[in-house]
Amino acid sequence: MTKWRKIDNIELMKLVSDPRRHRILHLCTDEPRTVKQLAEALGEQPSRLYYHVNKLVEFQMLEVVETRQVGNLTERFYRAVNLSDVFYRTDPKVLAENPHLAIAAIRQKVDPGLGMFAKMPRILQEREQAGQEIEKFPYHLTIDSNTEYITAKEWMESLRRIHEAWGQAREGITQWPDPDFPYPFEEENEKGTYQYVLISYRIEDAQRLGLIPPYGDEEETRKQQETDEDKSP
């Protein structure tokens, strides 16, 4: 059954908002892997991944399932912990205490998709000018939207169905909403116009386009988050 995990500190929020780390987690879901094996799969140097792997272990998203001694070296095999069975939801207190960092964490997920959308017309135009027939999009991206005039109660039910659709292989959500994550909305039977926006993209494409920092660039990521915070009203 799918479980909820509360994001109760800003470090965990930044961790689950980093698309690069989700690539690591998914690779370690298929089978336990060493840092060296992860580096080979990601086309990176092992030294650039240790920081990310250690952070994921610290927050119990990766675990060591096997240790092997190879000469003077110790190899650790890491496996993702309940990746397909957990939904993350941010504690409102964390949002209230760290508004700028929370916005930066959300943008870390959303901005690569918007950046890909911004690049799409130019890439398609260049192909057309080169005489290439345009039959397929150059990378995996979709931005869809919809609105519904419904009650808050109906809106909550629609969100439950959306979450279940995300995890078709799961047995179902334990409880919706979970008691630890109540939705204290007033006037739940009052109708309103609800906006839905779905941004879905392939992380590998965004990385190839330079829209997600390379592994190891923690200083660059930190400076960007500080810049985002300074720009926020």
C-alpha atoms as a PDB file:
ATOM      1  CA  MET A   1       0.000   0.000   0.000  1.00  0.00           C
ATOM      2  CA  THR A   2       1.175   3.495  -0.781  1.00  0.00           C
ATOM      3  CA  LYS A   3       2.382   5.504   2.197  1.00  0.00           C
ATOM      4  CA  TRP A   4       2.779   9.205   2.872  1.00  0.00           C
ATOM      5  CA  ARG A   5       6.008  10.734   4.066  1.00  0.00           C
ATOM      6  CA  LYS A   6       5.970  14.175   5.555  1.00  0.00           C
ATOM      7  CA  ILE A   7       8.619  16.622   4.326  1.00  0.00           C
ATOM      8  CA  ASP A   8       9.323  18.199   7.694  1.00  0.00           C
ATOM      9  CA  ASN A   9      12.608  19.973   6.959  1.00  0.00           C
ATOM     10  CA  ILE A  10      14.043  22.018   4.141  1.00  0.00           C
ATOM     11  CA  GLU A  11      16.920  19.623   3.430  1.00  0.00           C
ATOM     12  CA  LEU A  12      14.506  16.789   2.640  1.00  0.00           C
ATOM     13  CA  MET A  13      12.462  19.163   0.475  1.00  0.00           C
ATOM     14  CA  LYS A  14      15.548  20.065  -1.557  1.00  0.00           C
ATOM     15  CA  LEU A  15      16.479  16.401  -1.803  1.00  0.00           C
ATOM     16  CA  VAL A  16      13.165  15.205  -3.274  1.00  0.00           C
ATOM     17  CA  SER A  17      13.009  18.232  -5.599  1.00  0.00           C
ATOM     18  CA  ASP A  18      16.285  17.405  -7.366  1.00  0.00           C
ATOM     19  CA  PRO A  19      15.612  15.534 -10.641  1.00  0.00           C
ATOM     20  CA  ARG A  20      19.183  14.213 -10.722  1.00  0.00           C
ATOM     21  CA  ARG A  21      18.686  12.309  -7.501  1.00  0.00           C
ATOM     22  CA  HIS A  22      15.520  10.711  -8.787  1.00  0.00           C
ATOM     23  CA  ARG A  23      17.565   9.189 -11.612  1.00  0.00           C
ATOM     24  CA  ILE A  24      19.841   7.632  -8.989  1.00  0.00           C
ATOM     25  CA  LEU A  25      16.871   6.318  -7.023  1.00  0.00           C
ATOM     26  CA  HIS A  26      15.206   4.746 -10.047  1.00  0.00           C
ATOM     27  CA  LEU A  27      18.436   3.053 -11.111  1.00  0.00           C
ATOM     28  CA  CYS A  28      18.760   1.611  -7.612  1.00  0.00           C
ATOM     29  CA  THR A  29      15.174   0.380  -7.742  1.00  0.00           C
ATOM     30  CA  ASP A  30      15.876  -1.906 -10.691  1.00  0.00           C
ATOM     31  CA  GLU A  31      18.759  -3.565  -8.849  1.00  0.00           C
ATOM     32  CA  PRO A  32      21.257  -2.706  -6.085  1.00  0.00           C
ATOM     33  CA  ARG A  33      24.171  -0.733  -7.507  1.00  0.00           C
ATOM     34  CA  THR A  34      27.531   0.606  -6.403  1.00  0.00           C
ATOM     35  CA  VAL A  35      28.534   4.223  -6.941  1.00  0.00           C
ATOM     36  CA  LYS A  36      30.792   3.012  -9.746  1.00  0.00           C
ATOM     37  CA  GLN A  37      27.885   1.252 -11.467  1.00  0.00           C
ATOM     38  CA  LEU A  38      25.702   4.329 -11.047  1.00  0.00           C
ATOM     39  CA  ALA A  39      28.434   6.465 -12.585  1.00  0.00           C
ATOM     40  CA  GLU A  40      28.654   4.165 -15.609  1.00  0.00           C
ATOM     41  CA  ALA A  41      24.870   4.247 -16.089  1.00  0.00           C
ATOM     42  CA  LEU A  42      24.755   8.033 -15.768  1.00  0.00           C
ATOM     43  CA  GLY A  43      27.893   8.777 -17.767  1.00  0.00           C
ATOM     44  CA  GLU A  44      29.497  10.514 -14.797  1.00  0.00           C
ATOM     45  CA  GLN A  45      32.625  10.254 -12.694  1.00  0.00           C
ATOM     46  CA  PRO A  46      32.061   8.359  -9.409  1.00  0.00           C
ATOM     47  CA  SER A  47      33.555  11.256  -7.443  1.00  0.00           C
ATOM     48  CA  ARG A  48      30.675  13.475  -8.596  1.00  0.00           C
ATOM     49  CA  LEU A  49      28.028  11.119  -7.198  1.00  0.00           C
ATOM     50  CA  TYR A  50      29.205  10.449  -3.642  1.00  0.00           C
ATOM     51  CA  TYR A  51      27.629  13.629  -2.288  1.00  0.00           C
ATOM     52  CA  HIS A  52      24.233  12.748  -3.777  1.00  0.00           C
ATOM     53  CA  VAL A  53      24.353   9.117  -2.686  1.00  0.00           C
ATOM     54  CA  ASN A  54      25.363  10.038   0.866  1.00  0.00           C
ATOM     55  CA  LYS A  55      22.486  12.530   1.088  1.00  0.00           C
ATOM     56  CA  LEU A  56      19.998   9.905  -0.071  1.00  0.00           C
ATOM     57  CA  VAL A  57      21.334   7.472   2.519  1.00  0.00           C
ATOM     58  CA  GLU A  58      21.183  10.141   5.230  1.00  0.00           C
ATOM     59  CA  PHE A  59      17.480  10.675   4.578  1.00  0.00           C
ATOM     60  CA  GLN A  60      16.742   6.945   4.296  1.00  0.00           C
ATOM     61  CA  MET A  61      15.908   6.990   0.603  1.00  0.00           C
ATOM     62  CA  LEU A  62      18.831   4.673  -0.188  1.00  0.00           C
ATOM     63  CA  GLU A  63      20.119   1.826   1.942  1.00  0.00           C
ATOM     64  CA  VAL A  64      23.217  -0.356   1.825  1.00  0.00           C
ATOM     65  CA  VAL A  65      22.112  -3.937   1.158  1.00  0.00           C
ATOM     66  CA  GLU A  66      25.505  -5.571   0.552  1.00  0.00           C
ATOM     67  CA  THR A  67      29.169  -4.849   1.183  1.00  0.00           C
ATOM     68  CA  ARG A  68      32.041  -6.499  -0.690  1.00  0.00           C
ATOM     69  CA  GLN A  69      35.760  -6.247  -0.116  1.00  0.00           C
ATOM     70  CA  VAL A  70      37.670  -5.858  -3.403  1.00  0.00           C
ATOM     71  CA  GLY A  71      41.371  -5.690  -2.601  1.00  0.00           C
ATOM     72  CA  ASN A  72      41.851  -2.659  -0.378  1.00  0.00           C
ATOM     73  CA  LEU A  73      38.500  -1.163  -1.421  1.00  0.00           C
ATOM     74  CA  THR A  74      35.067  -1.671   0.072  1.00  0.00           C
ATOM     75  CA  GLU A  75      32.195  -1.724  -2.403  1.00  0.00           C
ATOM     76  CA  ARG A  76      28.733  -0.859  -1.130  1.00  0.00           C
ATOM     77  CA  PHE A  77      25.601  -1.796  -3.015  1.00  0.00           C
ATOM     78  CA  TYR A  78      22.717   0.650  -2.633  1.00  0.00           C
ATOM     79  CA  ARG A  79      19.010   0.030  -3.080  1.00  0.00           C
ATOM     80  CA  ALA A  80      16.175   2.563  -3.145  1.00  0.00           C
ATOM     81  CA  VAL A  81      13.844   2.441  -0.162  1.00  0.00           C
ATOM     82  CA  ASN A  82      10.148   2.172  -1.026  1.00  0.00           C
ATOM     83  CA  LEU A  83      10.480   4.551  -3.962  1.00  0.00           C
ATOM     84  CA  SER A  84       7.353   3.313  -5.714  1.00  0.00           C
ATOM     85  CA  ASP A  85       5.319   3.143  -2.504  1.00  0.00           C
ATOM     86  CA  VAL A  86       5.773   6.642  -1.098  1.00  0.00           C
ATOM     87  CA  PHE A  87       4.174  10.005  -1.799  1.00  0.00           C
ATOM     88  CA  TYR A  88       5.888  13.069  -0.353  1.00  0.00           C
ATOM     89  CA  ARG A  89       3.926  16.010   0.993  1.00  0.00           C
ATOM     90  CA  THR A  90       5.397  19.148   2.524  1.00  0.00           C
ATOM     91  CA  ASP A  91       4.538  20.162   6.065  1.00  0.00           C
ATOM     92  CA  PRO A  92       2.893  23.640   5.943  1.00  0.00           C
ATOM     93  CA  LYS A  93       5.207  24.749   8.759  1.00  0.00           C
ATOM     94  CA  VAL A  94       8.225  24.159   6.510  1.00  0.00           C
ATOM     95  CA  LEU A  95       6.630  26.276   3.779  1.00  0.00           C
ATOM     96  CA  ALA A  96       5.849  29.055   6.241  1.00  0.00           C
ATOM     97  CA  GLU A  97       9.357  29.087   7.711  1.00  0.00           C
ATOM     98  CA  ASN A  98      11.239  28.801   4.379  1.00  0.00           C
ATOM     99  CA  PRO A  99       9.040  30.386   1.673  1.00  0.00           C
ATOM    100  CA  HIS A 100      11.845  31.377  -0.691  1.00  0.00           C
ATOM    101  CA  LEU A 101      13.653  28.045  -0.454  1.00  0.00           C
ATOM    102  CA  ALA A 102      10.348  26.213  -0.892  1.00  0.00           C
ATOM    103  CA  ILE A 103       9.647  28.144  -4.093  1.00  0.00           C
ATOM    104  CA  ALA A 104      13.187  27.440  -5.327  1.00  0.00           C
ATOM    105  CA  ALA A 105      12.682  23.717  -4.654  1.00  0.00           C
ATOM    106  CA  ILE A 106       9.436  23.694  -6.638  1.00  0.00           C
ATOM    107  CA  ARG A 107      11.072  25.577  -9.505  1.00  0.00           C
ATOM    108  CA  GLN A 108      13.865  23.000  -9.524  1.00  0.00           C
ATOM    109  CA  LYS A 109      11.265  20.476 -10.692  1.00  0.00           C
ATOM    110  CA  VAL A 110       9.154  22.717 -12.926  1.00  0.00           C
ATOM    111  CA  ASP A 111      11.696  24.961 -14.667  1.00  0.00           C
ATOM    112  CA  PRO A 112      13.404  22.227 -16.756  1.00  0.00           C
ATOM    113  CA  GLY A 113      10.056  21.397 -18.379  1.00  0.00           C
ATOM    114  CA  LEU A 114       9.328  25.058 -19.105  1.00  0.00           C
ATOM    115  CA  GLY A 115      12.856  25.470 -20.444  1.00  0.00           C
ATOM    116  CA  MET A 116      12.361  22.536 -22.807  1.00  0.00           C
ATOM    117  CA  PHE A 117       9.096  24.057 -24.001  1.00  0.00           C
ATOM    118  CA  ALA A 118      10.888  27.365 -24.660  1.00  0.00           C
ATOM    119  CA  LYS A 119      13.558  25.604 -26.742  1.00  0.00           C
ATOM    120  CA  MET A 120      11.105  23.503 -28.755  1.00  0.00           C
ATOM    121  CA  PRO A 121      10.068  26.153 -31.369  1.00  0.00           C
ATOM    122  CA  ARG A 122      13.664  27.054 -32.209  1.00  0.00           C
ATOM    123  CA  ILE A 123      14.688  23.414 -32.619  1.00  0.00           C
ATOM    124  CA  LEU A 124      11.693  22.648 -34.819  1.00  0.00           C
ATOM    125  CA  GLN A 125      12.290  25.803 -36.851  1.00  0.00           C
ATOM    126  CA  GLU A 126      15.939  24.889 -37.435  1.00  0.00           C
ATOM    127  CA  ARG A 127      14.911  21.432 -38.642  1.00  0.00           C
ATOM    128  CA  GLU A 128      12.323  22.891 -40.971  1.00  0.00           C
ATOM    129  CA  GLN A 129      14.845  25.374 -42.402  1.00  0.00           C
ATOM    130  CA  ALA A 130      17.262  22.482 -42.950  1.00  0.00           C
ATOM    131  CA  GLY A 131      14.612  20.753 -45.046  1.00  0.00           C
ATOM    132  CA  GLN A 132      13.955  18.044 -42.501  1.00  0.00           C
ATOM    133  CA  GLU A 133      10.440  16.711 -42.299  1.00  0.00           C
ATOM    134  CA  ILE A 134       9.002  17.267 -38.842  1.00  0.00           C
ATOM    135  CA  GLU A 135       7.063  14.195 -37.790  1.00  0.00           C
ATOM    136  CA  LYS A 136       8.127  13.760 -34.175  1.00  0.00           C
ATOM    137  CA  PHE A 137       9.019  16.005 -31.275  1.00  0.00           C
ATOM    138  CA  PRO A 138      12.765  16.146 -30.554  1.00  0.00           C
ATOM    139  CA  TYR A 139      12.377  15.180 -26.892  1.00  0.00           C
ATOM    140  CA  HIS A 140       9.821  13.913 -24.400  1.00  0.00           C
ATOM    141  CA  LEU A 141       7.711  16.754 -23.046  1.00  0.00           C
ATOM    142  CA  THR A 142       4.059  17.517 -22.532  1.00  0.00           C
ATOM    143  CA  ILE A 143       2.294  20.454 -20.905  1.00  0.00           C
ATOM    144  CA  ASP A 144      -1.438  19.895 -20.548  1.00  0.00           C
ATOM    145  CA  SER A 145      -4.088  21.877 -18.717  1.00  0.00           C
ATOM    146  CA  ASN A 146      -7.740  21.642 -17.810  1.00  0.00           C
ATOM    147  CA  THR A 147     -10.297  23.412 -15.625  1.00  0.00           C
ATOM    148  CA  GLU A 148     -13.288  22.039 -13.744  1.00  0.00           C
ATOM    149  CA  TYR A 149     -16.174  23.814 -12.025  1.00  0.00           C
ATOM    150  CA  ILE A 150     -16.635  21.572  -8.997  1.00  0.00           C
ATOM    151  CA  THR A 151     -16.806  21.572  -5.216  1.00  0.00           C
ATOM    152  CA  ALA A 152     -13.734  21.307  -3.004  1.00  0.00           C
ATOM    153  CA  LYS A 153     -14.847  17.817  -2.050  1.00  0.00           C
ATOM    154  CA  GLU A 154     -15.041  16.787  -5.720  1.00  0.00           C
ATOM    155  CA  TRP A 155     -11.677  18.404  -6.334  1.00  0.00           C
ATOM    156  CA  MET A 156     -10.125  16.294  -3.570  1.00  0.00           C
ATOM    157  CA  GLU A 157     -11.613  13.170  -5.110  1.00  0.00           C
ATOM    158  CA  SER A 158     -10.138  14.097  -8.494  1.00  0.00           C
ATOM    159  CA  LEU A 159      -6.691  14.481  -6.899  1.00  0.00           C
ATOM    160  CA  ARG A 160      -7.000  11.016  -5.378  1.00  0.00           C
ATOM    161  CA  ARG A 161      -7.698   9.544  -8.829  1.00  0.00           C
ATOM    162  CA  ILE A 162      -4.743  11.436 -10.325  1.00  0.00           C
ATOM    163  CA  HIS A 163      -2.378  10.105  -7.666  1.00  0.00           C
ATOM    164  CA  GLU A 164      -3.612   6.572  -8.223  1.00  0.00           C
ATOM    165  CA  ALA A 165      -3.052   6.957 -11.975  1.00  0.00           C
ATOM    166  CA  TRP A 166       0.570   7.957 -11.322  1.00  0.00           C
ATOM    167  CA  GLY A 167       1.224   4.634  -9.643  1.00  0.00           C
ATOM    168  CA  GLN A 168      -0.738   2.114 -11.667  1.00  0.00           C
ATOM    169  CA  ALA A 169       1.364  -0.761 -10.325  1.00  0.00           C
ATOM    170  CA  ARG A 170       0.588   0.164  -6.727  1.00  0.00           C
ATOM    171  CA  GLU A 171      -2.146  -1.546  -4.791  1.00  0.00           C
ATOM    172  CA  GLY A 172      -3.723   1.753  -3.844  1.00  0.00           C
ATOM    173  CA  ILE A 173      -3.381   4.700  -1.534  1.00  0.00           C
ATOM    174  CA  THR A 174      -3.638   3.814   2.144  1.00  0.00           C
ATOM    175  CA  GLN A 175      -5.990   6.661   2.984  1.00  0.00           C
ATOM    176  CA  TRP A 176      -6.996   9.868   1.253  1.00  0.00           C
ATOM    177  CA  PRO A 177      -6.319  12.277   2.681  1.00  0.00           C
ATOM    178  CA  ASP A 178      -3.941  10.790   5.217  1.00  0.00           C
ATOM    179  CA  PRO A 179      -4.651  11.891   8.816  1.00  0.00           C
ATOM    180  CA  ASP A 180      -1.141  13.340   9.030  1.00  0.00           C
ATOM    181  CA  PHE A 181      -1.856  15.556   6.013  1.00  0.00           C
ATOM    182  CA  PRO A 182      -5.352  16.944   6.532  1.00  0.00           C
ATOM    183  CA  TYR A 183      -6.922  19.392   4.109  1.00  0.00           C
ATOM    184  CA  PRO A 184      -8.599  21.953   6.359  1.00  0.00           C
ATOM    185  CA  PHE A 185     -10.535  23.644   3.567  1.00  0.00           C
ATOM    186  CA  GLU A 186     -13.591  25.643   4.462  1.00  0.00           C
ATOM    187  CA  GLU A 187     -16.798  25.461   2.469  1.00  0.00           C
ATOM    188  CA  GLU A 188     -15.973  22.065   0.976  1.00  0.00           C
ATOM    189  CA  ASN A 189     -19.351  21.981  -0.803  1.00  0.00           C
ATOM    190  CA  GLU A 190     -18.996  25.421  -2.362  1.00  0.00           C
ATOM    191  CA  LYS A 191     -18.235  25.280  -6.073  1.00  0.00           C
ATOM    192  CA  GLY A 192     -15.251  26.953  -7.683  1.00  0.00           C
ATOM    193  CA  THR A 193     -13.187  26.834 -10.881  1.00  0.00           C
ATOM    194  CA  TYR A 194     -10.155  24.601 -10.347  1.00  0.00           C
ATOM    195  CA  GLN A 195      -7.124  24.763 -12.595  1.00  0.00           C
ATOM    196  CA  TYR A 196      -5.084  21.636 -13.359  1.00  0.00           C
ATOM    197  CA  VAL A 197      -1.663  21.842 -15.043  1.00  0.00           C
ATOM    198  CA  LEU A 198       0.420  18.776 -15.885  1.00  0.00           C
ATOM    199  CA  ILE A 199       4.079  19.273 -16.825  1.00  0.00           C
ATOM    200  CA  SER A 200       5.815  16.018 -17.655  1.00  0.00           C
ATOM    201  CA  TYR A 201       9.270  15.651 -19.185  1.00  0.00           C
ATOM    202  CA  ARG A 202      12.141  13.198 -19.407  1.00  0.00           C
ATOM    203  CA  ILE A 203      14.918  14.209 -17.039  1.00  0.00           C
ATOM    204  CA  GLU A 204      17.607  12.831 -19.351  1.00  0.00           C
ATOM    205  CA  ASP A 205      16.433  15.189 -22.128  1.00  0.00           C
ATOM    206  CA  ALA A 206      16.515  18.195 -19.812  1.00  0.00           C
ATOM    207  CA  GLN A 207      20.041  17.304 -18.735  1.00  0.00           C
ATOM    208  CA  ARG A 208      21.223  16.975 -22.336  1.00  0.00           C
ATOM    209  CA  LEU A 209      19.804  20.434 -23.050  1.00  0.00           C
ATOM    210  CA  GLY A 210      21.747  21.871 -20.109  1.00  0.00           C
ATOM    211  CA  LEU A 211      18.608  22.708 -18.127  1.00  0.00           C
ATOM    212  CA  ILE A 212      19.621  20.655 -15.083  1.00  0.00           C
ATOM    213  CA  PRO A 213      23.070  21.159 -13.492  1.00  0.00           C
ATOM    214  CA  PRO A 214      25.564  18.304 -13.879  1.00  0.00           C
ATOM    215  CA  TYR A 215      26.201  16.015 -10.939  1.00  0.00           C
ATOM    216  CA  GLY A 216      28.690  17.511  -8.562  1.00  0.00           C
ATOM    217  CA  ASP A 217      27.785  21.133  -9.173  1.00  0.00           C
ATOM    218  CA  GLU A 218      26.468  21.663  -5.661  1.00  0.00           C
ATOM    219  CA  GLU A 219      28.034  25.110  -5.349  1.00  0.00           C
ATOM    220  CA  GLU A 220      26.341  26.222  -8.548  1.00  0.00           C
ATOM    221  CA  THR A 221      22.985  24.869  -7.359  1.00  0.00           C
ATOM    222  CA  ARG A 222      23.340  26.590  -3.990  1.00  0.00           C
ATOM    223  CA  LYS A 223      24.187  29.934  -5.609  1.00  0.00           C
ATOM    224  CA  GLN A 224      21.189  29.603  -7.937  1.00  0.00           C
ATOM    225  CA  GLN A 225      18.882  28.943  -4.978  1.00  0.00           C
ATOM    226  CA  GLU A 226      20.281  32.006  -3.207  1.00  0.00           C
ATOM    227  CA  THR A 227      19.723  34.065  -6.372  1.00  0.00           C
ATOM    228  CA  ASP A 228      16.134  32.839  -6.583  1.00  0.00           C
ATOM    229  CA  GLU A 229      15.635  33.782  -2.955  1.00  0.00           C
ATOM    230  CA  ASP A 230      17.028  37.292  -3.500  1.00  0.00           C
ATOM    231  CA  LYS A 231      14.722  37.808  -6.499  1.00  0.00           C
ATOM    232  CA  SER A 232      11.622  36.696  -4.618  1.00  0.00           C
ATOM    233  CA  PRO A 233       9.394  39.500  -3.338  1.00  0.00           C
END
